[in-house]
Structure formats: structure tokens, C-alpha cells
Amino acid sequence: MDIDKKLVKKIATLSRVKIEEKEVERFSIELSKIITWVEKLNEVDTKDVTPVANPSDIKIPFREDEINDGKIEEKILKNAPEKKAGYFVVPKVVE
């Protein structure tokens, strides 16, 4: 599969990555090579291979979730230069 320049730009936009125009060609070539390599996995005959989710026979026991605040609020807030009502006070960063 060839990744053209248009697709590289679309991928960059969707992933919120800024790339320079001069890098588009290089990424087009590199991504095409990666996709070609991954497509080779489709050629592997896995007909007689048993699917494996966990290669180990170890069973991890489940436990009930417990709500726990850790009882360490005071220790954490000791690191705060300024605190109020159990929270860190920080400068406003949004206008």
C-alpha cells in the first residue's frame, strides 16, 4: 500500500502533529515501507496455529474493587506551596 502525500498530511492533521512540507515526502516513503512490511503478516499461514491470549498457565485471581482514597491526603498536600479545602492551589492558566 502506498501512502501518498495527501494521506500523510491527513494523518498528521488527525494526530495533531505538525510536520514541515519538506518532511511529507520522507514520511510518505517511510510509512509506505512500514505498511508493506506489516502486510507481509497476512501471508503467514496460521491455519493450524492455536490462538494464544496468555502464554502462561498462571491464573491471576480476581478480587472485588474497593474504593480507597489511600488516606495520604496530608502527605500529598505537604508538597503543595499553597492549598485550600484539600486541593492544590495553582495559578490560573486559562483566560
PDB file of N, CA and C in Angstrom:
ATOM      1  N   MET A   1       0.853  -1.182   0.000  1.00  0.00           N
ATOM      2  CA  MET A   1       0.000   0.000   0.000  1.00  0.00           C
ATOM      3  C   MET A   1       0.892   1.236   0.000  1.00  0.00           C
ATOM      4  N   ASP A   2       0.606   2.127  -0.904  1.00  0.00           N
ATOM      5  CA  ASP A   2       1.371   3.368  -0.957  1.00  0.00           C
ATOM      6  C   ASP A   2       0.660   4.455  -0.169  1.00  0.00           C
ATOM      7  N   ILE A   3       1.417   5.125   0.649  1.00  0.00           N
ATOM      8  CA  ILE A   3       0.903   6.263   1.407  1.00  0.00           C
ATOM      9  C   ILE A   3       1.337   7.514   0.649  1.00  0.00           C
ATOM     10  N   ASP A   4       0.383   8.209   0.042  1.00  0.00           N
ATOM     11  CA  ASP A   4       0.746   9.401  -0.722  1.00  0.00           C
ATOM     12  C   ASP A   4       0.837  10.626   0.188  1.00  0.00           C
ATOM     13  N   LYS A   5       1.280  11.731  -0.394  1.00  0.00           N
ATOM     14  CA  LYS A   5       1.487  12.954   0.383  1.00  0.00           C
ATOM     15  C   LYS A   5       0.189  13.456   1.009  1.00  0.00           C
ATOM     16  N   LYS A   6      -0.900  13.311   0.273  1.00  0.00           N
ATOM     17  CA  LYS A   6      -2.203  13.764   0.780  1.00  0.00           C
ATOM     18  C   LYS A   6      -2.579  13.002   2.053  1.00  0.00           C
ATOM     19  N   LEU A   7      -2.350  11.684   2.037  1.00  0.00           N
ATOM     20  CA  LEU A   7      -2.676  10.862   3.205  1.00  0.00           C
ATOM     21  C   LEU A   7      -1.755  11.184   4.381  1.00  0.00           C
ATOM     22  N   VAL A   8      -0.487  11.447   4.099  1.00  0.00           N
ATOM     23  CA  VAL A   8       0.449  11.829   5.165  1.00  0.00           C
ATOM     24  C   VAL A   8      -0.039  13.103   5.849  1.00  0.00           C
ATOM     25  N   LYS A   9      -0.469  14.078   5.060  1.00  0.00           N
ATOM     26  CA  LYS A   9      -0.964  15.341   5.626  1.00  0.00           C
ATOM     27  C   LYS A   9      -2.228  15.111   6.450  1.00  0.00           C
ATOM     28  N   LYS A  10      -3.103  14.231   5.964  1.00  0.00           N
ATOM     29  CA  LYS A  10      -4.333  13.929   6.698  1.00  0.00           C
ATOM     30  C   LYS A  10      -4.015  13.251   8.028  1.00  0.00           C
ATOM     31  N   ILE A  11      -3.097  12.287   8.000  1.00  0.00           N
ATOM     32  CA  ILE A  11      -2.698  11.593   9.229  1.00  0.00           C
ATOM     33  C   ILE A  11      -2.098  12.582  10.216  1.00  0.00           C
ATOM     34  N   ALA A  12      -1.257  13.477   9.725  1.00  0.00           N
ATOM     35  CA  ALA A  12      -0.640  14.484  10.591  1.00  0.00           C
ATOM     36  C   ALA A  12      -1.698  15.384  11.215  1.00  0.00           C
ATOM     37  N   THR A  13      -2.674  15.792  10.419  1.00  0.00           N
ATOM     38  CA  THR A  13      -3.749  16.646  10.936  1.00  0.00           C
ATOM     39  C   THR A  13      -4.565  15.918  11.997  1.00  0.00           C
ATOM     40  N   LEU A  14      -4.957  14.689  11.705  1.00  0.00           N
ATOM     41  CA  LEU A  14      -5.769  13.920  12.652  1.00  0.00           C
ATOM     42  C   LEU A  14      -5.029  13.634  13.948  1.00  0.00           C
ATOM     43  N   SER A  15      -3.712  13.450  13.857  1.00  0.00           N
ATOM     44  CA  SER A  15      -2.939  13.147  15.060  1.00  0.00           C
ATOM     45  C   SER A  15      -2.379  14.407  15.715  1.00  0.00           C
ATOM     46  N   ARG A  16      -2.748  15.555  15.169  1.00  0.00           N
ATOM     47  CA  ARG A  16      -2.322  16.854  15.731  1.00  0.00           C
ATOM     48  C   ARG A  16      -0.797  16.974  15.778  1.00  0.00           C
ATOM     49  N   VAL A  17      -0.153  16.473  14.717  1.00  0.00           N
ATOM     50  CA  VAL A  17       1.299  16.548  14.609  1.00  0.00           C
ATOM     51  C   VAL A  17       1.629  17.524  13.488  1.00  0.00           C
ATOM     52  N   LYS A  18       2.450  18.496  13.802  1.00  0.00           N
ATOM     53  CA  LYS A  18       2.840  19.474  12.789  1.00  0.00           C
ATOM     54  C   LYS A  18       4.097  18.967  12.083  1.00  0.00           C
ATOM     55  N   ILE A  19       3.991  18.809  10.775  1.00  0.00           N
ATOM     56  CA  ILE A  19       5.164  18.402  10.003  1.00  0.00           C
ATOM     57  C   ILE A  19       5.405  19.436   8.907  1.00  0.00           C
ATOM     58  N   GLU A  20       6.661  19.636   8.628  1.00  0.00           N
ATOM     59  CA  GLU A  20       7.049  20.584   7.584  1.00  0.00           C
ATOM     60  C   GLU A  20       6.773  19.972   6.214  1.00  0.00           C
ATOM     61  N   GLU A  21       6.548  20.833   5.240  1.00  0.00           N
ATOM     62  CA  GLU A  21       6.277  20.371   3.877  1.00  0.00           C
ATOM     63  C   GLU A  21       7.413  19.488   3.347  1.00  0.00           C
ATOM     64  N   LYS A  22       8.640  19.831   3.706  1.00  0.00           N
ATOM     65  CA  LYS A  22       9.788  19.048   3.219  1.00  0.00           C
ATOM     66  C   LYS A  22       9.839  17.649   3.835  1.00  0.00           C
ATOM     67  N   GLU A  23       9.141  17.428   4.950  1.00  0.00           N
ATOM     68  CA  GLU A  23       9.133  16.119   5.606  1.00  0.00           C
ATOM     69  C   GLU A  23       8.061  15.191   5.046  1.00  0.00           C
ATOM     70  N   VAL A  24       7.085  15.753   4.333  1.00  0.00           N
ATOM     71  CA  VAL A  24       5.949  14.967   3.853  1.00  0.00           C
ATOM     72  C   VAL A  24       6.411  13.825   2.946  1.00  0.00           C
ATOM     73  N   GLU A  25       7.309  14.106   2.027  1.00  0.00           N
ATOM     74  CA  GLU A  25       7.802  13.075   1.106  1.00  0.00           C
ATOM     75  C   GLU A  25       8.501  11.950   1.871  1.00  0.00           C
ATOM     76  N   ARG A  26       9.339  12.323   2.832  1.00  0.00           N
ATOM     77  CA  ARG A  26      10.070  11.319   3.620  1.00  0.00           C
ATOM     78  C   ARG A  26       9.100  10.438   4.402  1.00  0.00           C
ATOM     79  N   PHE A  27       8.082  11.061   5.029  1.00  0.00           N
ATOM     80  CA  PHE A  27       7.107  10.276   5.783  1.00  0.00           C
ATOM     81  C   PHE A  27       6.289   9.391   4.853  1.00  0.00           C
ATOM     82  N   SER A  28       6.005   9.868   3.662  1.00  0.00           N
ATOM     83  CA  SER A  28       5.270   9.070   2.693  1.00  0.00           C
ATOM     84  C   SER A  28       6.028   7.785   2.381  1.00  0.00           C
ATOM     85  N   ILE A  29       7.317   7.908   2.153  1.00  0.00           N
ATOM     86  CA  ILE A  29       8.154   6.739   1.850  1.00  0.00           C
ATOM     87  C   ILE A  29       8.257   5.817   3.060  1.00  0.00           C
ATOM     88  N   GLU A  30       8.530   6.383   4.229  1.00  0.00           N
ATOM     89  CA  GLU A  30       8.705   5.564   5.435  1.00  0.00           C
ATOM     90  C   GLU A  30       7.419   4.841   5.826  1.00  0.00           C
ATOM     91  N   LEU A  31       6.295   5.546   5.789  1.00  0.00           N
ATOM     92  CA  LEU A  31       5.023   4.911   6.150  1.00  0.00           C
ATOM     93  C   LEU A  31       4.653   3.822   5.145  1.00  0.00           C
ATOM     94  N   SER A  32       4.936   4.041   3.872  1.00  0.00           N
ATOM     95  CA  SER A  32       4.665   3.014   2.862  1.00  0.00           C
ATOM     96  C   SER A  32       5.483   1.759   3.138  1.00  0.00           C
ATOM     97  N   LYS A  33       6.743   1.936   3.513  1.00  0.00           N
ATOM     98  CA  LYS A  33       7.593   0.786   3.842  1.00  0.00           C
ATOM     99  C   LYS A  33       7.049   0.028   5.051  1.00  0.00           C
ATOM    100  N   ILE A  34       6.604   0.767   6.060  1.00  0.00           N
ATOM    101  CA  ILE A  34       6.065   0.131   7.271  1.00  0.00           C
ATOM    102  C   ILE A  34       4.811  -0.663   6.937  1.00  0.00           C
ATOM    103  N   ILE A  35       3.897  -0.059   6.177  1.00  0.00           N
ATOM    104  CA  ILE A  35       2.650  -0.741   5.811  1.00  0.00           C
ATOM    105  C   ILE A  35       2.951  -1.987   4.981  1.00  0.00           C
ATOM    106  N   THR A  36       3.884  -1.888   4.053  1.00  0.00           N
ATOM    107  CA  THR A  36       4.269  -3.045   3.234  1.00  0.00           C
ATOM    108  C   THR A  36       4.802  -4.165   4.116  1.00  0.00           C
ATOM    109  N   TRP A  37       5.629  -3.819   5.075  1.00  0.00           N
ATOM    110  CA  TRP A  37       6.184  -4.823   5.986  1.00  0.00           C
ATOM    111  C   TRP A  37       5.076  -5.482   6.809  1.00  0.00           C
ATOM    112  N   VAL A  38       4.154  -4.684   7.335  1.00  0.00           N
ATOM    113  CA  VAL A  38       3.060  -5.226   8.150  1.00  0.00           C
ATOM    114  C   VAL A  38       2.140  -6.098   7.301  1.00  0.00           C
ATOM    115  N   GLU A  39       1.928  -5.726   6.046  1.00  0.00           N
ATOM    116  CA  GLU A  39       1.069  -6.525   5.167  1.00  0.00           C
ATOM    117  C   GLU A  39       1.631  -7.926   4.943  1.00  0.00           C
ATOM    118  N   LYS A  40       2.925  -8.092   5.095  1.00  0.00           N
ATOM    119  CA  LYS A  40       3.534  -9.419   4.951  1.00  0.00           C
ATOM    120  C   LYS A  40       3.013 -10.387   6.007  1.00  0.00           C
ATOM    121  N   LEU A  41       2.525  -9.865   7.109  1.00  0.00           N
ATOM    122  CA  LEU A  41       1.967 -10.736   8.150  1.00  0.00           C
ATOM    123  C   LEU A  41       0.733 -11.479   7.639  1.00  0.00           C
ATOM    124  N   ASN A  42       0.040 -10.896   6.659  1.00  0.00           N
ATOM    125  CA  ASN A  42      -1.129 -11.568   6.085  1.00  0.00           C
ATOM    126  C   ASN A  42      -0.740 -12.809   5.292  1.00  0.00           C
ATOM    127  N   GLU A  43       0.514 -12.898   4.884  1.00  0.00           N
ATOM    128  CA  GLU A  43       0.979 -14.033   4.091  1.00  0.00           C
ATOM    129  C   GLU A  43       1.316 -15.246   4.956  1.00  0.00           C
ATOM    130  N   VAL A  44       1.447 -15.072   6.241  1.00  0.00           N
ATOM    131  CA  VAL A  44       1.823 -16.167   7.133  1.00  0.00           C
ATOM    132  C   VAL A  44       0.645 -17.121   7.293  1.00  0.00           C
ATOM    133  N   ASP A  45       0.912 -18.411   7.110  1.00  0.00           N
ATOM    134  CA  ASP A  45      -0.127 -19.426   7.253  1.00  0.00           C
ATOM    135  C   ASP A  45      -0.325 -19.733   8.736  1.00  0.00           C
ATOM    136  N   THR A  46      -1.443 -19.332   9.268  1.00  0.00           N
ATOM    137  CA  THR A  46      -1.749 -19.561  10.688  1.00  0.00           C
ATOM    138  C   THR A  46      -2.922 -20.528  10.853  1.00  0.00           C
ATOM    139  N   LYS A  47      -3.215 -21.279   9.802  1.00  0.00           N
ATOM    140  CA  LYS A  47      -4.367 -22.176   9.798  1.00  0.00           C
ATOM    141  C   LYS A  47      -4.340 -23.169  10.958  1.00  0.00           C
ATOM    142  N   ASP A  48      -3.195 -23.764  11.239  1.00  0.00           N
ATOM    143  CA  ASP A  48      -3.097 -24.791  12.280  1.00  0.00           C
ATOM    144  C   ASP A  48      -2.525 -24.263  13.591  1.00  0.00           C
ATOM    145  N   VAL A  49      -2.503 -22.964  13.755  1.00  0.00           N
ATOM    146  CA  VAL A  49      -1.944 -22.362  14.966  1.00  0.00           C
ATOM    147  C   VAL A  49      -3.083 -22.037  15.926  1.00  0.00           C
ATOM    148  N   THR A  50      -2.940 -22.506  17.156  1.00  0.00           N
ATOM    149  CA  THR A  50      -3.948 -22.231  18.175  1.00  0.00           C
ATOM    150  C   THR A  50      -3.781 -20.798  18.680  1.00  0.00           C
ATOM    151  N   PRO A  51      -4.869 -20.037  18.703  1.00  0.00           N
ATOM    152  CA  PRO A  51      -4.758 -18.670  19.224  1.00  0.00           C
ATOM    153  C   PRO A  51      -4.338 -18.680  20.693  1.00  0.00           C
ATOM    154  N   VAL A  52      -3.452 -17.786  21.044  1.00  0.00           N
ATOM    155  CA  VAL A  52      -2.949 -17.714  22.411  1.00  0.00           C
ATOM    156  C   VAL A  52      -3.194 -16.312  22.948  1.00  0.00           C
ATOM    157  N   ALA A  53      -3.866 -16.233  24.071  1.00  0.00           N
ATOM    158  CA  ALA A  53      -4.078 -14.938  24.709  1.00  0.00           C
ATOM    159  C   ALA A  53      -3.077 -14.736  25.829  1.00  0.00           C
ATOM    160  N   ASN A  54      -2.719 -15.828  26.499  1.00  0.00           N
ATOM    161  CA  ASN A  54      -1.788 -15.760  27.610  1.00  0.00           C
ATOM    162  C   ASN A  54      -0.842 -16.955  27.504  1.00  0.00           C
ATOM    163  N   PRO A  55       0.432 -16.710  27.231  1.00  0.00           N
ATOM    164  CA  PRO A  55       1.349 -17.832  27.072  1.00  0.00           C
ATOM    165  C   PRO A  55       1.648 -18.568  28.375  1.00  0.00           C
ATOM    166  N   SER A  56       1.229 -18.026  29.477  1.00  0.00           N
ATOM    167  CA  SER A  56       1.485 -18.635  30.777  1.00  0.00           C
ATOM    168  C   SER A  56       0.221 -19.321  31.279  1.00  0.00           C
ATOM    169  N   ASP A  57       0.406 -20.393  32.013  1.00  0.00           N
ATOM    170  CA  ASP A  57      -0.737 -21.090  32.607  1.00  0.00           C
ATOM    171  C   ASP A  57      -1.141 -20.487  33.943  1.00  0.00           C
ATOM    172  N   ILE A  58      -0.449 -19.452  34.358  1.00  0.00           N
ATOM    173  CA  ILE A  58      -0.739 -18.837  35.651  1.00  0.00           C
ATOM    174  C   ILE A  58      -2.090 -18.124  35.583  1.00  0.00           C
ATOM    175  N   LYS A  59      -2.933 -18.403  36.531  1.00  0.00           N
ATOM    176  CA  LYS A  59      -4.230 -17.740  36.625  1.00  0.00           C
ATOM    177  C   LYS A  59      -4.145 -16.656  37.691  1.00  0.00           C
ATOM    178  N   ILE A  60      -4.497 -15.458  37.317  1.00  0.00           N
ATOM    179  CA  ILE A  60      -4.479 -14.351  38.272  1.00  0.00           C
ATOM    180  C   ILE A  60      -5.862 -14.263  38.911  1.00  0.00           C
ATOM    181  N   PRO A  61      -5.924 -14.386  40.230  1.00  0.00           N
ATOM    182  CA  PRO A  61      -7.236 -14.345  40.883  1.00  0.00           C
ATOM    183  C   PRO A  61      -7.845 -12.942  40.819  1.00  0.00           C
ATOM    184  N   PHE A  62      -9.150 -12.906  40.622  1.00  0.00           N
ATOM    185  CA  PHE A  62      -9.856 -11.635  40.631  1.00  0.00           C
ATOM    186  C   PHE A  62     -10.181 -11.255  42.063  1.00  0.00           C
ATOM    187  N   ARG A  63     -10.307  -9.984  42.300  1.00  0.00           N
ATOM    188  CA  ARG A  63     -10.723  -9.510  43.615  1.00  0.00           C
ATOM    189  C   ARG A  63     -11.755  -8.416  43.409  1.00  0.00           C
ATOM    190  N   GLU A  64     -12.530  -8.195  44.417  1.00  0.00           N
ATOM    191  CA  GLU A  64     -13.514  -7.120  44.358  1.00  0.00           C
ATOM    192  C   GLU A  64     -12.797  -5.778  44.432  1.00  0.00           C
ATOM    193  N   ASP A  65     -13.249  -4.824  43.653  1.00  0.00           N
ATOM    194  CA  ASP A  65     -12.695  -3.476  43.723  1.00  0.00           C
ATOM    195  C   ASP A  65     -13.153  -2.811  45.010  1.00  0.00           C
ATOM    196  N   GLU A  66     -12.234  -2.124  45.639  1.00  0.00           N
ATOM    197  CA  GLU A  66     -12.559  -1.395  46.857  1.00  0.00           C
ATOM    198  C   GLU A  66     -12.228   0.072  46.650  1.00  0.00           C
ATOM    199  N   ILE A  67     -13.148   0.930  47.009  1.00  0.00           N
ATOM    200  CA  ILE A  67     -12.890   2.363  46.934  1.00  0.00           C
ATOM    201  C   ILE A  67     -11.997   2.728  48.101  1.00  0.00           C
ATOM    202  N   ASN A  68     -10.866   3.391  47.781  1.00  0.00           N
ATOM    203  CA  ASN A  68      -9.890   3.698  48.807  1.00  0.00           C
ATOM    204  C   ASN A  68      -9.180   4.982  48.412  1.00  0.00           C
ATOM    205  N   ASP A  69      -9.223   5.977  49.260  1.00  0.00           N
ATOM    206  CA  ASP A  69      -8.548   7.240  48.938  1.00  0.00           C
ATOM    207  C   ASP A  69      -7.077   7.203  49.329  1.00  0.00           C
ATOM    208  N   GLY A  70      -6.621   6.103  49.880  1.00  0.00           N
ATOM    209  CA  GLY A  70      -5.223   5.966  50.240  1.00  0.00           C
ATOM    210  C   GLY A  70      -4.871   6.564  51.586  1.00  0.00           C
ATOM    211  N   LYS A  71      -5.742   7.369  52.117  1.00  0.00           N
ATOM    212  CA  LYS A  71      -5.538   8.008  53.425  1.00  0.00           C
ATOM    213  C   LYS A  71      -4.180   8.712  53.497  1.00  0.00           C
ATOM    214  N   ILE A  72      -3.786   9.351  52.394  1.00  0.00           N
ATOM    215  CA  ILE A  72      -2.489  10.040  52.369  1.00  0.00           C
ATOM    216  C   ILE A  72      -2.629  11.502  51.942  1.00  0.00           C
ATOM    217  N   GLU A  73      -3.824  12.050  52.104  1.00  0.00           N
ATOM    218  CA  GLU A  73      -4.062  13.432  51.680  1.00  0.00           C
ATOM    219  C   GLU A  73      -3.080  14.398  52.328  1.00  0.00           C
ATOM    220  N   GLU A  74      -2.847  14.235  53.620  1.00  0.00           N
ATOM    221  CA  GLU A  74      -1.933  15.153  54.316  1.00  0.00           C
ATOM    222  C   GLU A  74      -0.519  15.053  53.764  1.00  0.00           C
ATOM    223  N   LYS A  75      -0.053  13.830  53.510  1.00  0.00           N
ATOM    224  CA  LYS A  75       1.294  13.653  52.961  1.00  0.00           C
ATOM    225  C   LYS A  75       1.423  14.331  51.597  1.00  0.00           C
ATOM    226  N   ILE A  76       0.407  14.170  50.781  1.00  0.00           N
ATOM    227  CA  ILE A  76       0.439  14.767  49.444  1.00  0.00           C
ATOM    228  C   ILE A  76       0.412  16.283  49.535  1.00  0.00           C
ATOM    229  N   LEU A  77      -0.471  16.812  50.374  1.00  0.00           N
ATOM    230  CA  LEU A  77      -0.612  18.264  50.464  1.00  0.00           C
ATOM    231  C   LEU A  77       0.586  18.937  51.122  1.00  0.00           C
ATOM    232  N   LYS A  78       1.444  18.169  51.792  1.00  0.00           N
ATOM    233  CA  LYS A  78       2.672  18.756  52.340  1.00  0.00           C
ATOM    234  C   LYS A  78       3.551  19.302  51.222  1.00  0.00           C
ATOM    235  N   ASN A  79       3.431  18.737  50.026  1.00  0.00           N
ATOM    236  CA  ASN A  79       4.220  19.178  48.878  1.00  0.00           C
ATOM    237  C   ASN A  79       3.671  20.447  48.232  1.00  0.00           C
ATOM    238  N   ALA A  80       2.479  20.844  48.615  1.00  0.00           N
ATOM    239  CA  ALA A  80       1.842  21.998  47.979  1.00  0.00           C
ATOM    240  C   ALA A  80       2.309  23.296  48.611  1.00  0.00           C
ATOM    241  N   PRO A  81       2.799  24.234  47.794  1.00  0.00           N
ATOM    242  CA  PRO A  81       3.172  25.527  48.354  1.00  0.00           C
ATOM    243  C   PRO A  81       1.940  26.280  48.864  1.00  0.00           C
ATOM    244  N   GLU A  82       0.788  26.014  48.209  1.00  0.00           N
ATOM    245  CA  GLU A  82      -0.461  26.639  48.649  1.00  0.00           C
ATOM    246  C   GLU A  82      -1.582  25.623  48.463  1.00  0.00           C
ATOM    247  N   LYS A  83      -2.469  25.529  49.458  1.00  0.00           N
ATOM    248  CA  LYS A  83      -3.568  24.570  49.379  1.00  0.00           C
ATOM    249  C   LYS A  83      -4.831  25.189  49.953  1.00  0.00           C
ATOM    250  N   LYS A  84      -5.978  24.634  49.530  1.00  0.00           N
ATOM    251  CA  LYS A  84      -7.262  25.135  50.014  1.00  0.00           C
ATOM    252  C   LYS A  84      -8.282  24.002  49.914  1.00  0.00           C
ATOM    253  N   ALA A  85      -8.936  23.699  51.001  1.00  0.00           N
ATOM    254  CA  ALA A  85     -10.001  22.691  51.064  1.00  0.00           C
ATOM    255  C   ALA A  85      -9.559  21.339  50.499  1.00  0.00           C
ATOM    256  N   GLY A  86      -8.313  20.960  50.783  1.00  0.00           N
ATOM    257  CA  GLY A  86      -7.838  19.652  50.353  1.00  0.00           C
ATOM    258  C   GLY A  86      -7.345  19.600  48.917  1.00  0.00           C
ATOM    259  N   TYR A  87      -7.158  20.754  48.284  1.00  0.00           N
ATOM    260  CA  TYR A  87      -6.695  20.801  46.898  1.00  0.00           C
ATOM    261  C   TYR A  87      -5.460  21.676  46.777  1.00  0.00           C
ATOM    262  N   PHE A  88      -4.637  21.413  45.747  1.00  0.00           N
ATOM    263  CA  PHE A  88      -3.531  22.293  45.414  1.00  0.00           C
ATOM    264  C   PHE A  88      -4.107  23.576  44.823  1.00  0.00           C
ATOM    265  N   VAL A  89      -3.567  24.713  45.200  1.00  0.00           N
ATOM    266  CA  VAL A  89      -3.941  25.983  44.581  1.00  0.00           C
ATOM    267  C   VAL A  89      -2.837  26.322  43.589  1.00  0.00           C
ATOM    268  N   VAL A  90      -3.246  26.539  42.334  1.00  0.00           N
ATOM    269  CA  VAL A  90      -2.280  26.846  41.278  1.00  0.00           C
ATOM    270  C   VAL A  90      -2.709  28.121  40.562  1.00  0.00           C
ATOM    271  N   PRO A  91      -1.777  28.791  39.910  1.00  0.00           N
ATOM    272  CA  PRO A  91      -2.141  29.998  39.178  1.00  0.00           C
ATOM    273  C   PRO A  91      -3.081  29.676  38.022  1.00  0.00           C
ATOM    274  N   LYS A  92      -3.960  30.606  37.713  1.00  0.00           N
ATOM    275  CA  LYS A  92      -4.879  30.448  36.596  1.00  0.00           C
ATOM    276  C   LYS A  92      -4.075  30.463  35.299  1.00  0.00           C
ATOM    277  N   VAL A  93      -4.331  29.486  34.433  1.00  0.00           N
ATOM    278  CA  VAL A  93      -3.585  29.413  33.181  1.00  0.00           C
ATOM    279  C   VAL A  93      -4.474  29.596  31.954  1.00  0.00           C
ATOM    280  N   VAL A  94      -5.777  29.656  32.143  1.00  0.00           N
ATOM    281  CA  VAL A  94      -6.706  29.823  31.033  1.00  0.00           C
ATOM    282  C   VAL A  94      -7.361  31.186  31.155  1.00  0.00           C
ATOM    283  N   GLU A  95      -7.392  31.891  30.044  1.00  0.00           N
ATOM    284  CA  GLU A  95      -8.036  33.212  30.044  1.00  0.00           C
ATOM    285  C   GLU A  95      -9.521  33.071  29.834  1.00  0.00           C
TER     286      GLU A  95
END
